[in-house]
Amino acid sequence: MAPSREDDVYQAKLAEQAERYEEMVDSMKKVAAADVELSVEERNLLSVAYKNLIGARRASWRIITNIESKEESKSENDKMALIKKYRSQVEKELRDICQDILDLLDKHLLPNATTGESKVFYLKM
């Protein structure tokens, strides 16, 4: 039996408590893909999931960029290629996550938004 909308929302709440934001995103994507207007609670869960997923990657990017700057100032740059490759990987993850939410907004959320409040919420994301 496929999980119900309520099960997906509950799963997202569990994932949030466990700080497992990838799983939270997966659960909320199922809810959003149902092409039904999201409740305020569901919108907030979706927003929190993506905010935390992106926030973690942004923090990683800042740390890697700082390390890259410190290594550039040293005379031996034998680690620079590895650092740049790792930074590029994090940047790709960030782009993919951002594209994922943009696709969800364009294909499912905005077309099914019936209230001004929900439209503004989605446009601010």
PDB file of N, CA and C in Angstrom:
ATOM      1  N   MET A   1       0.848  -1.183   0.000  1.00  0.00           N
ATOM      2  CA  MET A   1       0.000   0.000   0.000  1.00  0.00           C
ATOM      3  C   MET A   1       0.894   1.248   0.000  1.00  0.00           C
ATOM      4  N   ALA A   2       0.612   2.155  -0.899  1.00  0.00           N
ATOM      5  CA  ALA A   2       1.390   3.397  -0.998  1.00  0.00           C
ATOM      6  C   ALA A   2       1.100   4.288   0.203  1.00  0.00           C
ATOM      7  N   PRO A   3       2.121   4.996   0.681  1.00  0.00           N
ATOM      8  CA  PRO A   3       1.883   5.884   1.823  1.00  0.00           C
ATOM      9  C   PRO A   3       0.914   7.007   1.445  1.00  0.00           C
ATOM     10  N   SER A   4       0.092   7.381   2.397  1.00  0.00           N
ATOM     11  CA  SER A   4      -0.859   8.465   2.165  1.00  0.00           C
ATOM     12  C   SER A   4      -0.154   9.808   2.321  1.00  0.00           C
ATOM     13  N   ARG A   5      -0.853  10.839   1.931  1.00  0.00           N
ATOM     14  CA  ARG A   5      -0.339  12.200   2.088  1.00  0.00           C
ATOM     15  C   ARG A   5       0.004  12.466   3.551  1.00  0.00           C
ATOM     16  N   GLU A   6      -0.894  12.040   4.439  1.00  0.00           N
ATOM     17  CA  GLU A   6      -0.663  12.241   5.876  1.00  0.00           C
ATOM     18  C   GLU A   6       0.594  11.500   6.333  1.00  0.00           C
ATOM     19  N   ASP A   7       0.799  10.289   5.783  1.00  0.00           N
ATOM     20  CA  ASP A   7       2.001   9.520   6.126  1.00  0.00           C
ATOM     21  C   ASP A   7       3.266  10.241   5.654  1.00  0.00           C
ATOM     22  N   ASP A   8       3.203  10.802   4.442  1.00  0.00           N
ATOM     23  CA  ASP A   8       4.364  11.531   3.915  1.00  0.00           C
ATOM     24  C   ASP A   8       4.669  12.764   4.765  1.00  0.00           C
ATOM     25  N   VAL A   9       3.630  13.477   5.185  1.00  0.00           N
ATOM     26  CA  VAL A   9       3.824  14.660   6.036  1.00  0.00           C
ATOM     27  C   VAL A   9       4.414  14.234   7.379  1.00  0.00           C
ATOM     28  N   TYR A  10       3.887  13.153   7.945  1.00  0.00           N
ATOM     29  CA  TYR A  10       4.403  12.668   9.225  1.00  0.00           C
ATOM     30  C   TYR A  10       5.859  12.218   9.074  1.00  0.00           C
ATOM     31  N   GLN A  11       6.156  11.538   7.966  1.00  0.00           N
ATOM     32  CA  GLN A  11       7.532  11.109   7.707  1.00  0.00           C
ATOM     33  C   GLN A  11       8.461  12.318   7.622  1.00  0.00           C
ATOM     34  N   ALA A  12       7.989  13.394   6.998  1.00  0.00           N
ATOM     35  CA  ALA A  12       8.788  14.624   6.902  1.00  0.00           C
ATOM     36  C   ALA A  12       9.045  15.203   8.290  1.00  0.00           C
ATOM     37  N   LYS A  13       8.041  15.160   9.148  1.00  0.00           N
ATOM     38  CA  LYS A  13       8.216  15.671  10.516  1.00  0.00           C
ATOM     39  C   LYS A  13       9.229  14.826  11.282  1.00  0.00           C
ATOM     40  N   LEU A  14       9.154  13.511  11.105  1.00  0.00           N
ATOM     41  CA  LEU A  14      10.132  12.625  11.750  1.00  0.00           C
ATOM     42  C   LEU A  14      11.546  12.932  11.252  1.00  0.00           C
ATOM     43  N   ALA A  15      11.668  13.086   9.947  1.00  0.00           N
ATOM     44  CA  ALA A  15      12.978  13.381   9.358  1.00  0.00           C
ATOM     45  C   ALA A  15      13.516  14.709   9.879  1.00  0.00           C
ATOM     46  N   GLU A  16      12.631  15.685  10.049  1.00  0.00           N
ATOM     47  CA  GLU A  16      13.066  16.981  10.586  1.00  0.00           C
ATOM     48  C   GLU A  16      13.608  16.817  11.999  1.00  0.00           C
ATOM     49  N   GLN A  17      12.896  16.076  12.831  1.00  0.00           N
ATOM     50  CA  GLN A  17      13.349  15.859  14.206  1.00  0.00           C
ATOM     51  C   GLN A  17      14.696  15.144  14.241  1.00  0.00           C
ATOM     52  N   ALA A  18      14.903  14.243  13.284  1.00  0.00           N
ATOM     53  CA  ALA A  18      16.154  13.486  13.217  1.00  0.00           C
ATOM     54  C   ALA A  18      17.240  14.238  12.446  1.00  0.00           C
ATOM     55  N   GLU A  19      16.911  15.452  11.977  1.00  0.00           N
ATOM     56  CA  GLU A  19      17.826  16.276  11.192  1.00  0.00           C
ATOM     57  C   GLU A  19      18.325  15.543   9.947  1.00  0.00           C
ATOM     58  N   ARG A  20      17.401  14.821   9.303  1.00  0.00           N
ATOM     59  CA  ARG A  20      17.701  14.104   8.058  1.00  0.00           C
ATOM     60  C   ARG A  20      16.934  14.810   6.938  1.00  0.00           C
ATOM     61  N   TYR A  21      17.526  15.913   6.489  1.00  0.00           N
ATOM     62  CA  TYR A  21      16.800  16.830   5.611  1.00  0.00           C
ATOM     63  C   TYR A  21      16.623  16.305   4.190  1.00  0.00           C
ATOM     64  N   GLU A  22      17.528  15.440   3.724  1.00  0.00           N
ATOM     65  CA  GLU A  22      17.330  14.841   2.400  1.00  0.00           C
ATOM     66  C   GLU A  22      16.047  14.024   2.391  1.00  0.00           C
ATOM     67  N   GLU A  23      15.822  13.254   3.452  1.00  0.00           N
ATOM     68  CA  GLU A  23      14.612  12.439   3.549  1.00  0.00           C
ATOM     69  C   GLU A  23      13.381  13.318   3.748  1.00  0.00           C
ATOM     70  N   MET A  24      13.550  14.416   4.450  1.00  0.00           N
ATOM     71  CA  MET A  24      12.452  15.366   4.628  1.00  0.00           C
ATOM     72  C   MET A  24      12.034  15.940   3.274  1.00  0.00           C
ATOM     73  N   VAL A  25      13.030  16.300   2.466  1.00  0.00           N
ATOM     74  CA  VAL A  25      12.753  16.810   1.120  1.00  0.00           C
ATOM     75  C   VAL A  25      12.027  15.748   0.296  1.00  0.00           C
ATOM     76  N   ASP A  26      12.512  14.509   0.342  1.00  0.00           N
ATOM     77  CA  ASP A  26      11.880  13.434  -0.430  1.00  0.00           C
ATOM     78  C   ASP A  26      10.406  13.270  -0.063  1.00  0.00           C
ATOM     79  N   SER A  27      10.114  13.294   1.222  1.00  0.00           N
ATOM     80  CA  SER A  27       8.722  13.144   1.671  1.00  0.00           C
ATOM     81  C   SER A  27       7.862  14.307   1.209  1.00  0.00           C
ATOM     82  N   MET A  28       8.382  15.514   1.330  1.00  0.00           N
ATOM     83  CA  MET A  28       7.591  16.690   0.953  1.00  0.00           C
ATOM     84  C   MET A  28       7.462  16.828  -0.566  1.00  0.00           C
ATOM     85  N   LYS A  29       8.433  16.314  -1.320  1.00  0.00           N
ATOM     86  CA  LYS A  29       8.301  16.321  -2.777  1.00  0.00           C
ATOM     87  C   LYS A  29       7.127  15.441  -3.203  1.00  0.00           C
ATOM     88  N   LYS A  30       6.928  14.323  -2.515  1.00  0.00           N
ATOM     89  CA  LYS A  30       5.784  13.456  -2.821  1.00  0.00           C
ATOM     90  C   LYS A  30       4.478  14.198  -2.576  1.00  0.00           C
ATOM     91  N   VAL A  31       4.424  14.931  -1.475  1.00  0.00           N
ATOM     92  CA  VAL A  31       3.215  15.701  -1.154  1.00  0.00           C
ATOM     93  C   VAL A  31       2.995  16.772  -2.220  1.00  0.00           C
ATOM     94  N   ALA A  32       4.039  17.489  -2.577  1.00  0.00           N
ATOM     95  CA  ALA A  32       3.922  18.581  -3.553  1.00  0.00           C
ATOM     96  C   ALA A  32       3.571  18.060  -4.945  1.00  0.00           C
ATOM     97  N   ALA A  33       4.065  16.880  -5.297  1.00  0.00           N
ATOM     98  CA  ALA A  33       3.826  16.322  -6.629  1.00  0.00           C
ATOM     99  C   ALA A  33       2.389  15.840  -6.814  1.00  0.00           C
ATOM    100  N   ALA A  34       1.614  15.812  -5.746  1.00  0.00           N
ATOM    101  CA  ALA A  34       0.213  15.382  -5.844  1.00  0.00           C
ATOM    102  C   ALA A  34      -0.648  16.431  -6.536  1.00  0.00           C
ATOM    103  N   ASP A  35      -0.061  17.579  -6.850  1.00  0.00           N
ATOM    104  CA  ASP A  35      -0.764  18.663  -7.546  1.00  0.00           C
ATOM    105  C   ASP A  35      -2.019  19.118  -6.815  1.00  0.00           C
ATOM    106  N   VAL A  36      -1.890  19.275  -5.519  1.00  0.00           N
ATOM    107  CA  VAL A  36      -2.961  19.804  -4.675  1.00  0.00           C
ATOM    108  C   VAL A  36      -2.368  20.960  -3.880  1.00  0.00           C
ATOM    109  N   GLU A  37      -3.174  21.945  -3.572  1.00  0.00           N
ATOM    110  CA  GLU A  37      -2.720  23.085  -2.756  1.00  0.00           C
ATOM    111  C   GLU A  37      -2.171  22.568  -1.428  1.00  0.00           C
ATOM    112  N   LEU A  38      -0.986  23.037  -1.058  1.00  0.00           N
ATOM    113  CA  LEU A  38      -0.397  22.646   0.224  1.00  0.00           C
ATOM    114  C   LEU A  38      -0.992  23.486   1.344  1.00  0.00           C
ATOM    115  N   SER A  39      -1.115  22.867   2.507  1.00  0.00           N
ATOM    116  CA  SER A  39      -1.552  23.609   3.690  1.00  0.00           C
ATOM    117  C   SER A  39      -0.396  24.482   4.167  1.00  0.00           C
ATOM    118  N   VAL A  40      -0.673  25.382   5.090  1.00  0.00           N
ATOM    119  CA  VAL A  40       0.378  26.241   5.655  1.00  0.00           C
ATOM    120  C   VAL A  40       1.464  25.372   6.283  1.00  0.00           C
ATOM    121  N   GLU A  41       1.063  24.352   7.027  1.00  0.00           N
ATOM    122  CA  GLU A  41       2.031  23.462   7.671  1.00  0.00           C
ATOM    123  C   GLU A  41       2.893  22.745   6.625  1.00  0.00           C
ATOM    124  N   GLU A  42       2.262  22.262   5.563  1.00  0.00           N
ATOM    125  CA  GLU A  42       3.004  21.557   4.523  1.00  0.00           C
ATOM    126  C   GLU A  42       3.970  22.492   3.795  1.00  0.00           C
ATOM    127  N   ARG A  43       3.521  23.705   3.526  1.00  0.00           N
ATOM    128  CA  ARG A  43       4.413  24.693   2.892  1.00  0.00           C
ATOM    129  C   ARG A  43       5.624  24.949   3.773  1.00  0.00           C
ATOM    130  N   ASN A  44       5.380  25.103   5.063  1.00  0.00           N
ATOM    131  CA  ASN A  44       6.480  25.371   5.991  1.00  0.00           C
ATOM    132  C   ASN A  44       7.448  24.196   6.073  1.00  0.00           C
ATOM    133  N   LEU A  45       6.910  22.976   6.076  1.00  0.00           N
ATOM    134  CA  LEU A  45       7.777  21.792   6.102  1.00  0.00           C
ATOM    135  C   LEU A  45       8.653  21.734   4.848  1.00  0.00           C
ATOM    136  N   LEU A  46       8.062  22.008   3.702  1.00  0.00           N
ATOM    137  CA  LEU A  46       8.813  22.014   2.448  1.00  0.00           C
ATOM    138  C   LEU A  46       9.921  23.065   2.489  1.00  0.00           C
ATOM    139  N   SER A  47       9.578  24.242   2.953  1.00  0.00           N
ATOM    140  CA  SER A  47      10.537  25.341   3.033  1.00  0.00           C
ATOM    141  C   SER A  47      11.685  25.010   3.985  1.00  0.00           C
ATOM    142  N   VAL A  48      11.363  24.482   5.152  1.00  0.00           N
ATOM    143  CA  VAL A  48      12.387  24.122   6.146  1.00  0.00           C
ATOM    144  C   VAL A  48      13.312  23.043   5.588  1.00  0.00           C
ATOM    145  N   ALA A  49      12.733  22.077   4.898  1.00  0.00           N
ATOM    146  CA  ALA A  49      13.532  20.982   4.343  1.00  0.00           C
ATOM    147  C   ALA A  49      14.575  21.515   3.366  1.00  0.00           C
ATOM    148  N   TYR A  50      14.130  22.324   2.418  1.00  0.00           N
ATOM    149  CA  TYR A  50      15.069  22.859   1.428  1.00  0.00           C
ATOM    150  C   TYR A  50      16.031  23.863   2.050  1.00  0.00           C
ATOM    151  N   LYS A  51      15.542  24.677   2.982  1.00  0.00           N
ATOM    152  CA  LYS A  51      16.402  25.669   3.638  1.00  0.00           C
ATOM    153  C   LYS A  51      17.575  24.977   4.336  1.00  0.00           C
ATOM    154  N   ASN A  52      17.300  23.897   5.037  1.00  0.00           N
ATOM    155  CA  ASN A  52      18.357  23.187   5.754  1.00  0.00           C
ATOM    156  C   ASN A  52      19.282  22.428   4.808  1.00  0.00           C
ATOM    157  N   LEU A  53      18.715  21.870   3.755  1.00  0.00           N
ATOM    158  CA  LEU A  53      19.531  21.160   2.779  1.00  0.00           C
ATOM    159  C   LEU A  53      20.508  22.126   2.105  1.00  0.00           C
ATOM    160  N   ILE A  54      20.008  23.279   1.710  1.00  0.00           N
ATOM    161  CA  ILE A  54      20.841  24.292   1.065  1.00  0.00           C
ATOM    162  C   ILE A  54      21.804  24.918   2.073  1.00  0.00           C
ATOM    163  N   GLY A  55      21.327  25.177   3.282  1.00  0.00           N
ATOM    164  CA  GLY A  55      22.163  25.792   4.311  1.00  0.00           C
ATOM    165  C   GLY A  55      23.397  24.968   4.633  1.00  0.00           C
ATOM    166  N   ALA A  56      23.240  23.656   4.685  1.00  0.00           N
ATOM    167  CA  ALA A  56      24.381  22.782   4.973  1.00  0.00           C
ATOM    168  C   ALA A  56      25.417  22.858   3.850  1.00  0.00           C
ATOM    169  N   ARG A  57      24.945  22.873   2.601  1.00  0.00           N
ATOM    170  CA  ARG A  57      25.876  22.960   1.466  1.00  0.00           C
ATOM    171  C   ARG A  57      26.558  24.326   1.432  1.00  0.00           C
ATOM    172  N   ARG A  58      25.820  25.377   1.750  1.00  0.00           N
ATOM    173  CA  ARG A  58      26.419  26.720   1.769  1.00  0.00           C
ATOM    174  C   ARG A  58      27.506  26.802   2.834  1.00  0.00           C
ATOM    175  N   ALA A  59      27.248  26.214   3.991  1.00  0.00           N
ATOM    176  CA  ALA A  59      28.254  26.217   5.062  1.00  0.00           C
ATOM    177  C   ALA A  59      29.499  25.448   4.614  1.00  0.00           C
ATOM    178  N   SER A  60      29.286  24.313   3.969  1.00  0.00           N
ATOM    179  CA  SER A  60      30.416  23.532   3.448  1.00  0.00           C
ATOM    180  C   SER A  60      31.203  24.340   2.430  1.00  0.00           C
ATOM    181  N   TRP A  61      30.482  25.011   1.533  1.00  0.00           N
ATOM    182  CA  TRP A  61      31.132  25.814   0.497  1.00  0.00           C
ATOM    183  C   TRP A  61      31.994  26.908   1.119  1.00  0.00           C
ATOM    184  N   ARG A  62      31.468  27.587   2.151  1.00  0.00           N
ATOM    185  CA  ARG A  62      32.235  28.653   2.816  1.00  0.00           C
ATOM    186  C   ARG A  62      33.514  28.101   3.438  1.00  0.00           C
ATOM    187  N   ILE A  63      33.417  26.959   4.095  1.00  0.00           N
ATOM    188  CA  ILE A  63      34.590  26.353   4.733  1.00  0.00           C
ATOM    189  C   ILE A  63      35.629  25.976   3.679  1.00  0.00           C
ATOM    190  N   ILE A  64      35.180  25.324   2.617  1.00  0.00           N
ATOM    191  CA  ILE A  64      36.100  24.905   1.554  1.00  0.00           C
ATOM    192  C   ILE A  64      36.750  26.121   0.895  1.00  0.00           C
ATOM    193  N   THR A  65      35.973  27.175   0.675  1.00  0.00           N
ATOM    194  CA  THR A  65      36.500  28.397   0.064  1.00  0.00           C
ATOM    195  C   THR A  65      37.548  29.045   0.962  1.00  0.00           C
ATOM    196  N   ASN A  66      37.315  29.032   2.271  1.00  0.00           N
ATOM    197  CA  ASN A  66      38.314  29.567   3.209  1.00  0.00           C
ATOM    198  C   ASN A  66      39.601  28.752   3.162  1.00  0.00           C
ATOM    199  N   ILE A  67      39.465  27.442   3.129  1.00  0.00           N
ATOM    200  CA  ILE A  67      40.647  26.574   3.040  1.00  0.00           C
ATOM    201  C   ILE A  67      41.389  26.844   1.734  1.00  0.00           C
ATOM    202  N   GLU A  68      40.624  27.003   0.659  1.00  0.00           N
ATOM    203  CA  GLU A  68      41.222  27.287  -0.649  1.00  0.00           C
ATOM    204  C   GLU A  68      42.029  28.587  -0.607  1.00  0.00           C
ATOM    205  N   SER A  69      41.477  29.610   0.032  1.00  0.00           N
ATOM    206  CA  SER A  69      42.183  30.894   0.147  1.00  0.00           C
ATOM    207  C   SER A  69      43.476  30.748   0.934  1.00  0.00           C
ATOM    208  N   LYS A  70      43.432  29.992   2.022  1.00  0.00           N
ATOM    209  CA  LYS A  70      44.632  29.789   2.839  1.00  0.00           C
ATOM    210  C   LYS A  70      45.698  29.016   2.073  1.00  0.00           C
ATOM    211  N   GLU A  71      45.270  28.005   1.326  1.00  0.00           N
ATOM    212  CA  GLU A  71      46.227  27.200   0.560  1.00  0.00           C
ATOM    213  C   GLU A  71      46.843  28.001  -0.584  1.00  0.00           C
ATOM    214  N   GLU A  72      46.069  28.906  -1.177  1.00  0.00           N
ATOM    215  CA  GLU A  72      46.590  29.734  -2.272  1.00  0.00           C
ATOM    216  C   GLU A  72      47.732  30.624  -1.804  1.00  0.00           C
ATOM    217  N   SER A  73      47.663  31.048  -0.546  1.00  0.00           N
ATOM    218  CA  SER A  73      48.699  31.943  -0.022  1.00  0.00           C
ATOM    219  C   SER A  73      49.995  31.199   0.318  1.00  0.00           C
ATOM    220  N   LYS A  74      49.932  29.873   0.377  1.00  0.00           N
ATOM    221  CA  LYS A  74      51.136  29.087   0.648  1.00  0.00           C
ATOM    222  C   LYS A  74      51.909  28.882  -0.649  1.00  0.00           C
ATOM    223  N   SER A  75      53.186  28.584  -0.487  1.00  0.00           N
ATOM    224  CA  SER A  75      54.014  28.408  -1.685  1.00  0.00           C
ATOM    225  C   SER A  75      53.756  27.065  -2.377  1.00  0.00           C
ATOM    226  N   GLU A  76      53.443  26.009  -1.600  1.00  0.00           N
ATOM    227  CA  GLU A  76      53.158  24.708  -2.225  1.00  0.00           C
ATOM    228  C   GLU A  76      51.658  24.608  -2.496  1.00  0.00           C
ATOM    229  N   ASN A  77      51.317  24.446  -3.749  1.00  0.00           N
ATOM    230  CA  ASN A  77      49.909  24.365  -4.129  1.00  0.00           C
ATOM    231  C   ASN A  77      49.534  22.964  -4.597  1.00  0.00           C
ATOM    232  N   ASP A  78      50.162  21.945  -4.018  1.00  0.00           N
ATOM    233  CA  ASP A  78      49.907  20.578  -4.457  1.00  0.00           C
ATOM    234  C   ASP A  78      48.485  20.104  -4.130  1.00  0.00           C
ATOM    235  N   LYS A  79      47.826  20.754  -3.205  1.00  0.00           N
ATOM    236  CA  LYS A  79      46.470  20.353  -2.811  1.00  0.00           C
ATOM    237  C   LYS A  79      45.383  21.166  -3.517  1.00  0.00           C
ATOM    238  N   MET A  80      45.772  22.181  -4.274  1.00  0.00           N
ATOM    239  CA  MET A  80      44.788  23.096  -4.866  1.00  0.00           C
ATOM    240  C   MET A  80      43.818  22.390  -5.812  1.00  0.00           C
ATOM    241  N   ALA A  81      44.312  21.473  -6.618  1.00  0.00           N
ATOM    242  CA  ALA A  81      43.436  20.776  -7.569  1.00  0.00           C
ATOM    243  C   ALA A  81      42.367  19.984  -6.821  1.00  0.00           C
ATOM    244  N   LEU A  82      42.775  19.332  -5.741  1.00  0.00           N
ATOM    245  CA  LEU A  82      41.830  18.553  -4.937  1.00  0.00           C
ATOM    246  C   LEU A  82      40.790  19.463  -4.284  1.00  0.00           C
ATOM    247  N   ILE A  83      41.237  20.582  -3.755  1.00  0.00           N
ATOM    248  CA  ILE A  83      40.325  21.537  -3.113  1.00  0.00           C
ATOM    249  C   ILE A  83      39.333  22.085  -4.135  1.00  0.00           C
ATOM    250  N   LYS A  84      39.830  22.476  -5.302  1.00  0.00           N
ATOM    251  CA  LYS A  84      38.955  23.031  -6.347  1.00  0.00           C
ATOM    252  C   LYS A  84      37.930  21.999  -6.814  1.00  0.00           C
ATOM    253  N   LYS A  85      38.369  20.755  -6.951  1.00  0.00           N
ATOM    254  CA  LYS A  85      37.457  19.682  -7.367  1.00  0.00           C
ATOM    255  C   LYS A  85      36.357  19.484  -6.322  1.00  0.00           C
ATOM    256  N   TYR A  86      36.737  19.502  -5.059  1.00  0.00           N
ATOM    257  CA  TYR A  86      35.765  19.312  -3.975  1.00  0.00           C
ATOM    258  C   TYR A  86      34.789  20.486  -3.913  1.00  0.00           C
ATOM    259  N   ARG A  87      35.310  21.704  -4.090  1.00  0.00           N
ATOM    260  CA  ARG A  87      34.439  22.885  -4.107  1.00  0.00           C
ATOM    261  C   ARG A  87      33.450  22.795  -5.265  1.00  0.00           C
ATOM    262  N   SER A  88      33.921  22.359  -6.403  1.00  0.00           N
ATOM    263  CA  SER A  88      33.046  22.202  -7.573  1.00  0.00           C
ATOM    264  C   SER A  88      31.945  21.177  -7.317  1.00  0.00           C
ATOM    265  N   GLN A  89      32.292  20.116  -6.601  1.00  0.00           N
ATOM    266  CA  GLN A  89      31.297  19.091  -6.259  1.00  0.00           C
ATOM    267  C   GLN A  89      30.200  19.688  -5.382  1.00  0.00           C
ATOM    268  N   VAL A  90      30.584  20.463  -4.382  1.00  0.00           N
ATOM    269  CA  VAL A  90      29.606  21.096  -3.489  1.00  0.00           C
ATOM    270  C   VAL A  90      28.764  22.108  -4.266  1.00  0.00           C
ATOM    271  N   GLU A  91      29.397  22.857  -5.159  1.00  0.00           N
ATOM    272  CA  GLU A  91      28.659  23.823  -5.982  1.00  0.00           C
ATOM    273  C   GLU A  91      27.637  23.125  -6.868  1.00  0.00           C
ATOM    274  N   LYS A  92      28.001  21.964  -7.420  1.00  0.00           N
ATOM    275  CA  LYS A  92      27.064  21.198  -8.249  1.00  0.00           C
ATOM    276  C   LYS A  92      25.885  20.719  -7.407  1.00  0.00           C
ATOM    277  N   GLU A  93      26.161  20.238  -6.198  1.00  0.00           N
ATOM    278  CA  GLU A  93      25.079  19.813  -5.307  1.00  0.00           C
ATOM    279  C   GLU A  93      24.134  20.976  -5.028  1.00  0.00           C
ATOM    280  N   LEU A  94      24.696  22.144  -4.777  1.00  0.00           N
ATOM    281  CA  LEU A  94      23.876  23.337  -4.534  1.00  0.00           C
ATOM    282  C   LEU A  94      23.005  23.673  -5.742  1.00  0.00           C
ATOM    283  N   ARG A  95      23.618  23.669  -6.917  1.00  0.00           N
ATOM    284  CA  ARG A  95      22.855  23.953  -8.146  1.00  0.00           C
ATOM    285  C   ARG A  95      21.735  22.938  -8.340  1.00  0.00           C
ATOM    286  N   ASP A  96      22.035  21.659  -8.109  1.00  0.00           N
ATOM    287  CA  ASP A  96      21.036  20.604  -8.297  1.00  0.00           C
ATOM    288  C   ASP A  96      19.863  20.760  -7.331  1.00  0.00           C
ATOM    289  N   ILE A  97      20.160  21.075  -6.073  1.00  0.00           N
ATOM    290  CA  ILE A  97      19.096  21.268  -5.083  1.00  0.00           C
ATOM    291  C   ILE A  97      18.245  22.472  -5.462  1.00  0.00           C
ATOM    292  N   CYS A  98      18.894  23.553  -5.851  1.00  0.00           N
ATOM    293  CA  CYS A  98      18.152  24.760  -6.241  1.00  0.00           C
ATOM    294  C   CYS A  98      17.295  24.499  -7.472  1.00  0.00           C
ATOM    295  N   GLN A  99      17.845  23.783  -8.450  1.00  0.00           N
ATOM    296  CA  GLN A  99      17.060  23.460  -9.647  1.00  0.00           C
ATOM    297  C   GLN A  99      15.882  22.562  -9.293  1.00  0.00           C
ATOM    298  N   ASP A 100      16.083  21.664  -8.356  1.00  0.00           N
ATOM    299  CA  ASP A 100      15.036  20.749  -7.904  1.00  0.00           C
ATOM    300  C   ASP A 100      13.841  21.518  -7.338  1.00  0.00           C
ATOM    301  N   ILE A 101      14.091  22.465  -6.450  1.00  0.00           N
ATOM    302  CA  ILE A 101      12.979  23.223  -5.867  1.00  0.00           C
ATOM    303  C   ILE A 101      12.360  24.145  -6.907  1.00  0.00           C
ATOM    304  N   LEU A 102      13.166  24.710  -7.806  1.00  0.00           N
ATOM    305  CA  LEU A 102      12.603  25.562  -8.860  1.00  0.00           C
ATOM    306  C   LEU A 102      11.673  24.761  -9.771  1.00  0.00           C
ATOM    307  N   ASP A 103      12.073  23.539 -10.117  1.00  0.00           N
ATOM    308  CA  ASP A 103      11.211  22.678 -10.936  1.00  0.00           C
ATOM    309  C   ASP A 103       9.916  22.345 -10.204  1.00  0.00           C
ATOM    310  N   LEU A 104      10.031  22.042  -8.921  1.00  0.00           N
ATOM    311  CA  LEU A 104       8.850  21.728  -8.111  1.00  0.00           C
ATOM    312  C   LEU A 104       7.909  22.926  -8.054  1.00  0.00           C
ATOM    313  N   LEU A 105       8.474  24.100  -7.880  1.00  0.00           N
ATOM    314  CA  LEU A 105       7.664  25.327  -7.851  1.00  0.00           C
ATOM    315  C   LEU A 105       6.958  25.546  -9.187  1.00  0.00           C
ATOM    316  N   ASP A 106       7.704  25.440 -10.286  1.00  0.00           N
ATOM    317  CA  ASP A 106       7.145  25.719 -11.612  1.00  0.00           C
ATOM    318  C   ASP A 106       6.115  24.687 -12.059  1.00  0.00           C
ATOM    319  N   LYS A 107       6.374  23.417 -11.774  1.00  0.00           N
ATOM    320  CA  LYS A 107       5.521  22.347 -12.300  1.00  0.00           C
ATOM    321  C   LYS A 107       4.345  21.995 -11.400  1.00  0.00           C
ATOM    322  N   HIS A 108       4.495  22.165 -10.094  1.00  0.00           N
ATOM    323  CA  HIS A 108       3.462  21.676  -9.182  1.00  0.00           C
ATOM    324  C   HIS A 108       2.893  22.740  -8.249  1.00  0.00           C
ATOM    325  N   LEU A 109       3.770  23.485  -7.609  1.00  0.00           N
ATOM    326  CA  LEU A 109       3.303  24.352  -6.527  1.00  0.00           C
ATOM    327  C   LEU A 109       2.616  25.615  -7.028  1.00  0.00           C
ATOM    328  N   LEU A 110       3.272  26.374  -7.875  1.00  0.00           N
ATOM    329  CA  LEU A 110       2.656  27.613  -8.374  1.00  0.00           C
ATOM    330  C   LEU A 110       1.386  27.361  -9.193  1.00  0.00           C
ATOM    331  N   PRO A 111       1.362  26.350 -10.076  1.00  0.00           N
ATOM    332  CA  PRO A 111       0.125  26.118 -10.830  1.00  0.00           C
ATOM    333  C   PRO A 111      -1.072  25.737  -9.950  1.00  0.00           C
ATOM    334  N   ASN A 112      -0.812  25.173  -8.773  1.00  0.00           N
ATOM    335  CA  ASN A 112      -1.894  24.744  -7.890  1.00  0.00           C
ATOM    336  C   ASN A 112      -2.148  25.706  -6.734  1.00  0.00           C
ATOM    337  N   ALA A 113      -1.420  26.807  -6.698  1.00  0.00           N
ATOM    338  CA  ALA A 113      -1.610  27.800  -5.634  1.00  0.00           C
ATOM    339  C   ALA A 113      -2.894  28.578  -5.922  1.00  0.00           C
ATOM    340  N   THR A 114      -3.811  28.558  -4.969  1.00  0.00           N
ATOM    341  CA  THR A 114      -5.101  29.227  -5.180  1.00  0.00           C
ATOM    342  C   THR A 114      -5.242  30.509  -4.378  1.00  0.00           C
ATOM    343  N   THR A 115      -4.403  30.690  -3.375  1.00  0.00           N
ATOM    344  CA  THR A 115      -4.504  31.901  -2.558  1.00  0.00           C
ATOM    345  C   THR A 115      -3.315  32.811  -2.827  1.00  0.00           C
ATOM    346  N   GLY A 116      -3.523  34.084  -2.619  1.00  0.00           N
ATOM    347  CA  GLY A 116      -2.435  35.043  -2.762  1.00  0.00           C
ATOM    348  C   GLY A 116      -1.308  34.739  -1.805  1.00  0.00           C
ATOM    349  N   GLU A 117      -1.672  34.322  -0.595  1.00  0.00           N
ATOM    350  CA  GLU A 117      -0.662  34.011   0.424  1.00  0.00           C
ATOM    351  C   GLU A 117       0.264  32.888  -0.040  1.00  0.00           C
ATOM    352  N   SER A 118      -0.315  31.830  -0.595  1.00  0.00           N
ATOM    353  CA  SER A 118       0.529  30.713  -1.036  1.00  0.00           C
ATOM    354  C   SER A 118       1.383  31.107  -2.240  1.00  0.00           C
ATOM    355  N   LYS A 119       0.822  31.893  -3.161  1.00  0.00           N
ATOM    356  CA  LYS A 119       1.605  32.336  -4.322  1.00  0.00           C
ATOM    357  C   LYS A 119       2.797  33.179  -3.884  1.00  0.00           C
ATOM    358  N   VAL A 120       2.567  34.100  -2.962  1.00  0.00           N
ATOM    359  CA  VAL A 120       3.657  34.943  -2.462  1.00  0.00           C
ATOM    360  C   VAL A 120       4.704  34.083  -1.754  1.00  0.00           C
ATOM    361  N   PHE A 121       4.247  33.126  -0.947  1.00  0.00           N
ATOM    362  CA  PHE A 121       5.161  32.226  -0.239  1.00  0.00           C
ATOM    363  C   PHE A 121       6.079  31.519  -1.236  1.00  0.00           C
ATOM    364  N   TYR A 122       5.492  30.959  -2.290  1.00  0.00           N
ATOM    365  CA  TYR A 122       6.281  30.220  -3.277  1.00  0.00           C
ATOM    366  C   TYR A 122       7.220  31.138  -4.046  1.00  0.00           C
ATOM    367  N   LEU A 123       6.750  32.313  -4.403  1.00  0.00           N
ATOM    368  CA  LEU A 123       7.593  33.243  -5.156  1.00  0.00           C
ATOM    369  C   LEU A 123       8.777  33.734  -4.322  1.00  0.00           C
ATOM    370  N   LYS A 124       8.608  33.796  -3.008  1.00  0.00           N
ATOM    371  CA  LYS A 124       9.709  34.211  -2.128  1.00  0.00           C
ATOM    372  C   LYS A 124      10.742  33.106  -1.945  1.00  0.00           C
ATOM    373  N   MET A 125      10.351  31.869  -2.200  1.00  0.00           N
ATOM    374  CA  MET A 125      11.300  30.765  -2.058  1.00  0.00           C
ATOM    375  C   MET A 125      12.372  30.907  -3.123  1.00  0.00           C
TER     376      MET A 125
END
